[in-house]
PDB file of all heavy atoms in Angstrom:
ATOM      1  N   ALA A   1       0.830  -1.208   0.000  1.00  0.00           N
ATOM      2  CA  ALA A   1       0.000   0.000   0.000  1.00  0.00           C
ATOM      3  C   ALA A   1       0.867   1.262   0.000  1.00  0.00           C
ATOM      4  O   ALA A   1       0.568   2.238  -0.700  1.00  0.00           O
ATOM      5  CB  ALA A   1      -0.927  -0.005   1.211  1.00  0.00           C
ATOM      6  N   GLN A   2       1.944   1.258   0.779  1.00  0.00           N
ATOM      7  CA  GLN A   2       2.858   2.405   0.774  1.00  0.00           C
ATOM      8  C   GLN A   2       3.508   2.577  -0.600  1.00  0.00           C
ATOM      9  O   GLN A   2       3.734   3.703  -1.067  1.00  0.00           O
ATOM     10  CB  GLN A   2       3.942   2.225   1.843  1.00  0.00           C
ATOM     11  CG  GLN A   2       3.447   2.287   3.274  1.00  0.00           C
ATOM     12  CD  GLN A   2       3.095   3.710   3.729  1.00  0.00           C
ATOM     13  OE1 GLN A   2       3.301   4.674   3.008  1.00  0.00           O
ATOM     14  NE2 GLN A   2       2.542   3.819   4.928  1.00  0.00           N
ATOM     15  N   SER A   3       3.800   1.464  -1.252  1.00  0.00           N
ATOM     16  CA  SER A   3       4.384   1.522  -2.596  1.00  0.00           C
ATOM     17  C   SER A   3       3.419   2.164  -3.586  1.00  0.00           C
ATOM     18  O   SER A   3       3.821   2.969  -4.442  1.00  0.00           O
ATOM     19  CB  SER A   3       4.763   0.108  -3.061  1.00  0.00           C
ATOM     20  OG  SER A   3       5.336   0.137  -4.346  1.00  0.00           O
ATOM     21  N   GLU A   4       2.142   1.840  -3.468  1.00  0.00           N
ATOM     22  CA  GLU A   4       1.136   2.439  -4.354  1.00  0.00           C
ATOM     23  C   GLU A   4       1.038   3.946  -4.124  1.00  0.00           C
ATOM     24  O   GLU A   4       0.941   4.726  -5.078  1.00  0.00           O
ATOM     25  CB  GLU A   4      -0.227   1.779  -4.122  1.00  0.00           C
ATOM     26  CG  GLU A   4      -0.316   0.356  -4.629  1.00  0.00           C
ATOM     27  CD  GLU A   4      -1.698  -0.234  -4.413  1.00  0.00           C
ATOM     28  OE1 GLU A   4      -2.622   0.535  -4.041  1.00  0.00           O
ATOM     29  OE2 GLU A   4      -1.859  -1.451  -4.599  1.00  0.00           O
ATOM     30  N   VAL A   5       1.092   4.358  -2.862  1.00  0.00           N
ATOM     31  CA  VAL A   5       1.053   5.791  -2.548  1.00  0.00           C
ATOM     32  C   VAL A   5       2.268   6.490  -3.152  1.00  0.00           C
ATOM     33  O   VAL A   5       2.155   7.566  -3.759  1.00  0.00           O
ATOM     34  CB  VAL A   5       1.014   6.000  -1.022  1.00  0.00           C
ATOM     35  CG1 VAL A   5       1.234   7.471  -0.668  1.00  0.00           C
ATOM     36  CG2 VAL A   5      -0.316   5.518  -0.452  1.00  0.00           C
ATOM     37  N   ALA A   6       3.444   5.873  -2.993  1.00  0.00           N
ATOM     38  CA  ALA A   6       4.669   6.479  -3.525  1.00  0.00           C
ATOM     39  C   ALA A   6       4.605   6.601  -5.038  1.00  0.00           C
ATOM     40  O   ALA A   6       4.947   7.659  -5.601  1.00  0.00           O
ATOM     41  CB  ALA A   6       5.884   5.647  -3.104  1.00  0.00           C
ATOM     42  N   ARG A   7       4.176   5.541  -5.702  1.00  0.00           N
ATOM     43  CA  ARG A   7       4.116   5.573  -7.172  1.00  0.00           C
ATOM     44  C   ARG A   7       3.130   6.634  -7.647  1.00  0.00           C
ATOM     45  O   ARG A   7       3.402   7.368  -8.610  1.00  0.00           O
ATOM     46  CB  ARG A   7       3.729   4.203  -7.722  1.00  0.00           C
ATOM     47  CG  ARG A   7       4.848   3.174  -7.662  1.00  0.00           C
ATOM     48  CD  ARG A   7       4.572   2.005  -8.592  1.00  0.00           C
ATOM     49  NE  ARG A   7       3.319   1.342  -8.267  1.00  0.00           N
ATOM     50  CZ  ARG A   7       3.217   0.315  -7.438  1.00  0.00           C
ATOM     51  NH1 ARG A   7       4.298  -0.146  -6.827  1.00  0.00           N
ATOM     52  NH2 ARG A   7       2.053  -0.252  -7.199  1.00  0.00           N
ATOM     53  N   ALA A   8       1.976   6.719  -6.980  1.00  0.00           N
ATOM     54  CA  ALA A   8       0.974   7.706  -7.372  1.00  0.00           C
ATOM     55  C   ALA A   8       1.503   9.124  -7.174  1.00  0.00           C
ATOM     56  O   ALA A   8       1.290  10.010  -8.006  1.00  0.00           O
ATOM     57  CB  ALA A   8      -0.311   7.491  -6.577  1.00  0.00           C
ATOM     58  N   TYR A   9       2.199   9.348  -6.067  1.00  0.00           N
ATOM     59  CA  TYR A   9       2.733  10.684  -5.786  1.00  0.00           C
ATOM     60  C   TYR A   9       3.826  11.046  -6.791  1.00  0.00           C
ATOM     61  O   TYR A   9       3.822  12.142  -7.367  1.00  0.00           O
ATOM     62  CB  TYR A   9       3.280  10.737  -4.364  1.00  0.00           C
ATOM     63  CG  TYR A   9       3.647  12.138  -3.927  1.00  0.00           C
ATOM     64  CD1 TYR A   9       2.713  12.959  -3.316  1.00  0.00           C
ATOM     65  CD2 TYR A   9       4.922  12.649  -4.155  1.00  0.00           C
ATOM     66  CE1 TYR A   9       3.038  14.253  -2.928  1.00  0.00           C
ATOM     67  CE2 TYR A   9       5.254  13.938  -3.776  1.00  0.00           C
ATOM     68  CZ  TYR A   9       4.309  14.734  -3.167  1.00  0.00           C
ATOM     69  OH  TYR A   9       4.632  16.015  -2.797  1.00  0.00           O
ATOM     70  N   LEU A  10       4.763  10.127  -7.004  1.00  0.00           N
ATOM     71  CA  LEU A  10       5.882  10.405  -7.900  1.00  0.00           C
ATOM     72  C   LEU A  10       5.418  10.637  -9.333  1.00  0.00           C
ATOM     73  O   LEU A  10       6.037  11.410 -10.080  1.00  0.00           O
ATOM     74  CB  LEU A  10       6.889   9.252  -7.845  1.00  0.00           C
ATOM     75  CG  LEU A  10       7.637   9.089  -6.513  1.00  0.00           C
ATOM     76  CD1 LEU A  10       8.386   7.766  -6.478  1.00  0.00           C
ATOM     77  CD2 LEU A  10       8.601  10.249  -6.300  1.00  0.00           C
ATOM     78  N   SER A  11       4.324   9.986  -9.728  1.00  0.00           N
ATOM     79  CA  SER A  11       3.831  10.142 -11.102  1.00  0.00           C
ATOM     80  C   SER A  11       3.345  11.555 -11.383  1.00  0.00           C
ATOM     81  O   SER A  11       3.233  11.966 -12.542  1.00  0.00           O
ATOM     82  CB  SER A  11       2.701   9.147 -11.367  1.00  0.00           C
ATOM     83  OG  SER A  11       1.543   9.475 -10.604  1.00  0.00           O
ATOM     84  N   GLN A  12       3.078  12.315 -10.330  1.00  0.00           N
ATOM     85  CA  GLN A  12       2.592  13.688 -10.505  1.00  0.00           C
ATOM     86  C   GLN A  12       3.719  14.725 -10.514  1.00  0.00           C
ATOM     87  O   GLN A  12       3.466  15.911 -10.727  1.00  0.00           O
ATOM     88  CB  GLN A  12       1.605  14.029  -9.384  1.00  0.00           C
ATOM     89  CG  GLN A  12       0.384  13.116  -9.354  1.00  0.00           C
ATOM     90  CD  GLN A  12      -0.551  13.455  -8.202  1.00  0.00           C
ATOM     91  OE1 GLN A  12      -1.162  14.533  -8.178  1.00  0.00           O
ATOM     92  NE2 GLN A  12      -0.652  12.554  -7.234  1.00  0.00           N
ATOM     93  N   LEU A  13       4.947  14.270 -10.264  1.00  0.00           N
ATOM     94  CA  LEU A  13       6.067  15.204 -10.245  1.00  0.00           C
ATOM     95  C   LEU A  13       6.549  15.469 -11.665  1.00  0.00           C
ATOM     96  O   LEU A  13       6.779  14.526 -12.431  1.00  0.00           O
ATOM     97  CB  LEU A  13       7.218  14.640  -9.406  1.00  0.00           C
ATOM     98  CG  LEU A  13       6.916  14.389  -7.927  1.00  0.00           C
ATOM     99  CD1 LEU A  13       8.128  13.777  -7.238  1.00  0.00           C
ATOM    100  CD2 LEU A  13       6.511  15.693  -7.228  1.00  0.00           C
ATOM    101  N   PRO A  14       6.740  16.727 -12.039  1.00  0.00           N
ATOM    102  CA  PRO A  14       7.197  17.038 -13.392  1.00  0.00           C
ATOM    103  C   PRO A  14       8.682  16.736 -13.561  1.00  0.00           C
ATOM    104  O   PRO A  14       9.457  16.770 -12.611  1.00  0.00           O
ATOM    105  CB  PRO A  14       6.944  18.543 -13.501  1.00  0.00           C
ATOM    106  CG  PRO A  14       7.041  19.049 -12.097  1.00  0.00           C
ATOM    107  CD  PRO A  14       6.509  17.947 -11.232  1.00  0.00           C
ATOM    108  N   GLY A  15       9.066  16.391 -14.780  1.00  0.00           N
ATOM    109  CA  GLY A  15      10.474  16.281 -15.129  1.00  0.00           C
ATOM    110  C   GLY A  15      11.103  14.926 -14.931  1.00  0.00           C
ATOM    111  O   GLY A  15      12.313  14.769 -15.159  1.00  0.00           O
ATOM    112  N   ARG A  16      10.335  13.906 -14.547  1.00  0.00           N
ATOM    113  CA  ARG A  16      10.961  12.599 -14.320  1.00  0.00           C
ATOM    114  C   ARG A  16      11.545  12.020 -15.597  1.00  0.00           C
ATOM    115  O   ARG A  16      12.642  11.451 -15.587  1.00  0.00           O
ATOM    116  CB  ARG A  16       9.944  11.620 -13.729  1.00  0.00           C
ATOM    117  CG  ARG A  16       9.584  11.931 -12.280  1.00  0.00           C
ATOM    118  CD  ARG A  16       8.390  11.113 -11.840  1.00  0.00           C
ATOM    119  NE  ARG A  16       8.720   9.741 -11.548  1.00  0.00           N
ATOM    120  CZ  ARG A  16       7.874   8.717 -11.660  1.00  0.00           C
ATOM    121  NH1 ARG A  16       6.648   8.927 -12.098  1.00  0.00           N
ATOM    122  NH2 ARG A  16       8.242   7.504 -11.353  1.00  0.00           N
ATOM    123  N   ASP A  17      10.840  12.194 -16.707  1.00  0.00           N
ATOM    124  CA  ASP A  17      11.362  11.669 -17.980  1.00  0.00           C
ATOM    125  C   ASP A  17      12.637  12.407 -18.391  1.00  0.00           C
ATOM    126  O   ASP A  17      13.587  11.790 -18.898  1.00  0.00           O
ATOM    127  CB  ASP A  17      10.306  11.793 -19.080  1.00  0.00           C
ATOM    128  CG  ASP A  17       9.154  10.815 -18.883  1.00  0.00           C
ATOM    129  OD1 ASP A  17       9.358   9.808 -18.170  1.00  0.00           O
ATOM    130  OD2 ASP A  17       8.060  11.063 -19.425  1.00  0.00           O
ATOM    131  N   LEU A  18      12.659  13.713 -18.159  1.00  0.00           N
ATOM    132  CA  LEU A  18      13.872  14.473 -18.475  1.00  0.00           C
ATOM    133  C   LEU A  18      15.039  14.019 -17.602  1.00  0.00           C
ATOM    134  O   LEU A  18      16.180  13.912 -18.072  1.00  0.00           O
ATOM    135  CB  LEU A  18      13.621  15.971 -18.273  1.00  0.00           C
ATOM    136  CG  LEU A  18      12.697  16.659 -19.281  1.00  0.00           C
ATOM    137  CD1 LEU A  18      12.442  18.104 -18.869  1.00  0.00           C
ATOM    138  CD2 LEU A  18      13.311  16.615 -20.683  1.00  0.00           C
ATOM    139  N   LEU A  19      14.754  13.745 -16.338  1.00  0.00           N
ATOM    140  CA  LEU A  19      15.808  13.276 -15.449  1.00  0.00           C
ATOM    141  C   LEU A  19      16.302  11.894 -15.857  1.00  0.00           C
ATOM    142  O   LEU A  19      17.502  11.603 -15.769  1.00  0.00           O
ATOM    143  CB  LEU A  19      15.310  13.249 -14.007  1.00  0.00           C
ATOM    144  CG  LEU A  19      15.134  14.621 -13.349  1.00  0.00           C
ATOM    145  CD1 LEU A  19      14.382  14.495 -12.030  1.00  0.00           C
ATOM    146  CD2 LEU A  19      16.495  15.276 -13.109  1.00  0.00           C
ATOM    147  N   ARG A  20      15.409  11.030 -16.310  1.00  0.00           N
ATOM    148  CA  ARG A  20      15.835   9.717 -16.785  1.00  0.00           C
ATOM    149  C   ARG A  20      16.776   9.862 -17.980  1.00  0.00           C
ATOM    150  O   ARG A  20      17.773   9.137 -18.096  1.00  0.00           O
ATOM    151  CB  ARG A  20      14.613   8.873 -17.164  1.00  0.00           C
ATOM    152  CG  ARG A  20      13.766   8.435 -15.978  1.00  0.00           C
ATOM    153  CD  ARG A  20      12.718   7.427 -16.404  1.00  0.00           C
ATOM    154  NE  ARG A  20      11.773   7.142 -15.327  1.00  0.00           N
ATOM    155  CZ  ARG A  20      10.559   7.657 -15.235  1.00  0.00           C
ATOM    156  NH1 ARG A  20      10.130   8.502 -16.174  1.00  0.00           N
ATOM    157  NH2 ARG A  20       9.763   7.350 -14.233  1.00  0.00           N
ATOM    158  N   GLN A  21      16.448  10.782 -18.879  1.00  0.00           N
ATOM    159  CA  GLN A  21      17.322  11.015 -20.028  1.00  0.00           C
ATOM    160  C   GLN A  21      18.680  11.544 -19.578  1.00  0.00           C
ATOM    161  O   GLN A  21      19.731  11.136 -20.088  1.00  0.00           O
ATOM    162  CB  GLN A  21      16.665  12.009 -20.992  1.00  0.00           C
ATOM    163  CG  GLN A  21      15.381  11.496 -21.634  1.00  0.00           C
ATOM    164  CD  GLN A  21      14.648  12.585 -22.413  1.00  0.00           C
ATOM    165  OE1 GLN A  21      15.228  13.612 -22.770  1.00  0.00           O
ATOM    166  NE2 GLN A  21      13.361  12.363 -22.665  1.00  0.00           N
ATOM    167  N   GLU A  22      18.654  12.448 -18.608  1.00  0.00           N
ATOM    168  CA  GLU A  22      19.897  13.006 -18.083  1.00  0.00           C
ATOM    169  C   GLU A  22      20.745  11.910 -17.438  1.00  0.00           C
ATOM    170  O   GLU A  22      21.963  11.845 -17.639  1.00  0.00           O
ATOM    171  CB  GLU A  22      19.564  14.082 -17.046  1.00  0.00           C
ATOM    172  CG  GLU A  22      20.756  14.826 -16.515  1.00  0.00           C
ATOM    173  CD  GLU A  22      21.099  16.038 -17.356  1.00  0.00           C
ATOM    174  OE1 GLU A  22      20.474  16.231 -18.413  1.00  0.00           O
ATOM    175  OE2 GLU A  22      22.001  16.775 -16.961  1.00  0.00           O
ATOM    176  N   ILE A  23      20.109  11.041 -16.667  1.00  0.00           N
ATOM    177  CA  ILE A  23      20.823   9.946 -16.005  1.00  0.00           C
ATOM    178  C   ILE A  23      21.421   9.000 -17.036  1.00  0.00           C
ATOM    179  O   ILE A  23      22.559   8.535 -16.896  1.00  0.00           O
ATOM    180  CB  ILE A  23      19.877   9.198 -15.050  1.00  0.00           C
ATOM    181  CG1 ILE A  23      19.550  10.087 -13.844  1.00  0.00           C
ATOM    182  CG2 ILE A  23      20.476   7.882 -14.595  1.00  0.00           C
ATOM    183  CD1 ILE A  23      18.433   9.555 -12.977  1.00  0.00           C
ATOM    184  N   ALA A  24      20.657   8.696 -18.086  1.00  0.00           N
ATOM    185  CA  ALA A  24      21.172   7.818 -19.141  1.00  0.00           C
ATOM    186  C   ALA A  24      22.436   8.400 -19.762  1.00  0.00           C
ATOM    187  O   ALA A  24      23.389   7.673 -20.072  1.00  0.00           O
ATOM    188  CB  ALA A  24      20.103   7.602 -20.202  1.00  0.00           C
ATOM    189  N   GLN A  25      22.468   9.715 -19.931  1.00  0.00           N
ATOM    190  CA  GLN A  25      23.648  10.354 -20.503  1.00  0.00           C
ATOM    191  C   GLN A  25      24.810  10.357 -19.518  1.00  0.00           C
ATOM    192  O   GLN A  25      25.954  10.074 -19.880  1.00  0.00           O
ATOM    193  CB  GLN A  25      23.311  11.782 -20.925  1.00  0.00           C
ATOM    194  CG  GLN A  25      22.341  11.863 -22.094  1.00  0.00           C
ATOM    195  CD  GLN A  25      21.972  13.299 -22.444  1.00  0.00           C
ATOM    196  OE1 GLN A  25      21.680  14.110 -21.561  1.00  0.00           O
ATOM    197  NE2 GLN A  25      21.988  13.622 -23.726  1.00  0.00           N
ATOM    198  N   LEU A  26      24.527  10.677 -18.255  1.00  0.00           N
ATOM    199  CA  LEU A  26      25.589  10.712 -17.245  1.00  0.00           C
ATOM    200  C   LEU A  26      26.174   9.322 -16.993  1.00  0.00           C
ATOM    201  O   LEU A  26      27.355   9.194 -16.637  1.00  0.00           O
ATOM    202  CB  LEU A  26      25.049  11.276 -15.929  1.00  0.00           C
ATOM    203  CG  LEU A  26      24.821  12.783 -15.864  1.00  0.00           C
ATOM    204  CD1 LEU A  26      24.034  13.157 -14.618  1.00  0.00           C
ATOM    205  CD2 LEU A  26      26.153  13.537 -15.894  1.00  0.00           C
ATOM    206  N   SER A  27      25.358   8.289 -17.160  1.00  0.00           N
ATOM    207  CA  SER A  27      25.802   6.921 -16.893  1.00  0.00           C
ATOM    208  C   SER A  27      26.406   6.247 -18.112  1.00  0.00           C
ATOM    209  O   SER A  27      26.853   5.092 -18.023  1.00  0.00           O
ATOM    210  CB  SER A  27      24.622   6.072 -16.386  1.00  0.00           C
ATOM    211  OG  SER A  27      24.032   6.646 -15.244  1.00  0.00           O
ATOM    212  N   ASP A  28      26.432   6.938 -19.221  1.00  0.00           N
ATOM    213  CA  ASP A  28      26.893   6.341 -20.473  1.00  0.00           C
ATOM    214  C   ASP A  28      28.422   6.362 -20.562  1.00  0.00           C
ATOM    215  O   ASP A  28      29.015   7.142 -21.300  1.00  0.00           O
ATOM    216  CB  ASP A  28      26.282   7.081 -21.661  1.00  0.00           C
ATOM    217  CG  ASP A  28      26.565   6.374 -22.985  1.00  0.00           C
ATOM    218  OD1 ASP A  28      26.986   5.202 -22.945  1.00  0.00           O
ATOM    219  OD2 ASP A  28      26.381   6.996 -24.049  1.00  0.00           O
ATOM    220  N   TYR A  29      29.054   5.526 -19.753  1.00  0.00           N
ATOM    221  CA  TYR A  29      30.501   5.394 -19.811  1.00  0.00           C
ATOM    222  C   TYR A  29      30.883   3.980 -19.390  1.00  0.00           C
ATOM    223  O   TYR A  29      30.084   3.237 -18.809  1.00  0.00           O
ATOM    224  CB  TYR A  29      31.191   6.430 -18.919  1.00  0.00           C
ATOM    225  CG  TYR A  29      30.915   6.299 -17.448  1.00  0.00           C
ATOM    226  CD1 TYR A  29      31.670   5.441 -16.639  1.00  0.00           C
ATOM    227  CD2 TYR A  29      29.897   7.029 -16.844  1.00  0.00           C
ATOM    228  CE1 TYR A  29      31.408   5.317 -15.288  1.00  0.00           C
ATOM    229  CE2 TYR A  29      29.634   6.915 -15.492  1.00  0.00           C
ATOM    230  CZ  TYR A  29      30.394   6.055 -14.720  1.00  0.00           C
ATOM    231  OH  TYR A  29      30.124   5.935 -13.386  1.00  0.00           O
ATOM    232  N   THR A  30      32.108   3.606 -19.692  1.00  0.00           N
ATOM    233  CA  THR A  30      32.643   2.292 -19.349  1.00  0.00           C
ATOM    234  C   THR A  30      33.705   2.452 -18.273  1.00  0.00           C
ATOM    235  O   THR A  30      34.552   3.340 -18.349  1.00  0.00           O
ATOM    236  CB  THR A  30      33.266   1.624 -20.589  1.00  0.00           C
ATOM    237  OG1 THR A  30      32.260   1.467 -21.585  1.00  0.00           O
ATOM    238  CG2 THR A  30      33.840   0.265 -20.236  1.00  0.00           C
ATOM    239  N   SER A  31      33.655   1.620 -17.265  1.00  0.00           N
ATOM    240  CA  SER A  31      34.675   1.645 -16.223  1.00  0.00           C
ATOM    241  C   SER A  31      35.289   0.259 -16.085  1.00  0.00           C
ATOM    242  O   SER A  31      34.653  -0.754 -16.402  1.00  0.00           O
ATOM    243  CB  SER A  31      34.079   2.098 -14.887  1.00  0.00           C
ATOM    244  OG  SER A  31      33.078   1.193 -14.452  1.00  0.00           O
ATOM    245  N   ILE A  32      36.541   0.223 -15.626  1.00  0.00           N
ATOM    246  CA  ILE A  32      37.221  -1.052 -15.412  1.00  0.00           C
ATOM    247  C   ILE A  32      37.917  -1.024 -14.052  1.00  0.00           C
ATOM    248  O   ILE A  32      38.181   0.038 -13.492  1.00  0.00           O
ATOM    249  CB  ILE A  32      38.256  -1.360 -16.520  1.00  0.00           C
ATOM    250  CG1 ILE A  32      39.426  -0.374 -16.445  1.00  0.00           C
ATOM    251  CG2 ILE A  32      37.609  -1.354 -17.898  1.00  0.00           C
ATOM    252  CD1 ILE A  32      40.604  -0.760 -17.336  1.00  0.00           C
TER     253      ILE A  32
END
């Protein structure tokens, strides 16, 4: 039930898709 509340709340926050794109770019590297 807490998970459902969190998902519903987070879905109303603007910019999540933009942040996902930003994260994909920041994480786009290879490390060894």
